Amino acid sequence: MIVRESEQQMEFSDQFFHPADDPVPDDHKYLRLRDAIGWEKVLGELESSYSENEGRPSIPLKNMVILLLIKHLEQLSDRALIEKLSGSMPMQKALNIAYRDAQDYCHHSLLTHFRARIGESGVNIIADAVEDFVKKKG
């Protein structure tokens, strides 16, 4: 079952900080990367890989894409990416998840399953988005 974005979560900064005290600057590269993506197009192209009503609710599609964007940008393994998530406030803010949720957000094998689900064309969509971001001096 597809979940585009979590609708029930508070904003990252609202969970822990007074907005003026947020330790993650809005110009951090993960946030710029997240904001540079044409989400309607990317999510629209990837949604066909999901069932509308079958299966258990997934991690939001947008968050799965953000994870792969960061993985490609930083050239990390799946395992290293998930390990980094547990201690990286910028990653947590880009995903809009709380620190406690980041500690056990997903198993690294979920990324393998996600890539298999979206196929080579879906992975290329994500790789192209990273390439465009880097070309724009992200």
Foldseek 3Di string as FASTA:
>chain_A
DAAAADPPADQACVVPHDVVPPPDDCPPLLNVLLVQDPSVVLCVLQVVLDDPDDDDYDLHPSLLLSLLLVCLLVVHQLQVSLVVQLPDSSNCNSNRHYNVCSVPVDDSCVNVVSCVSSDPVSSVVSNVSSVVSVVVVD
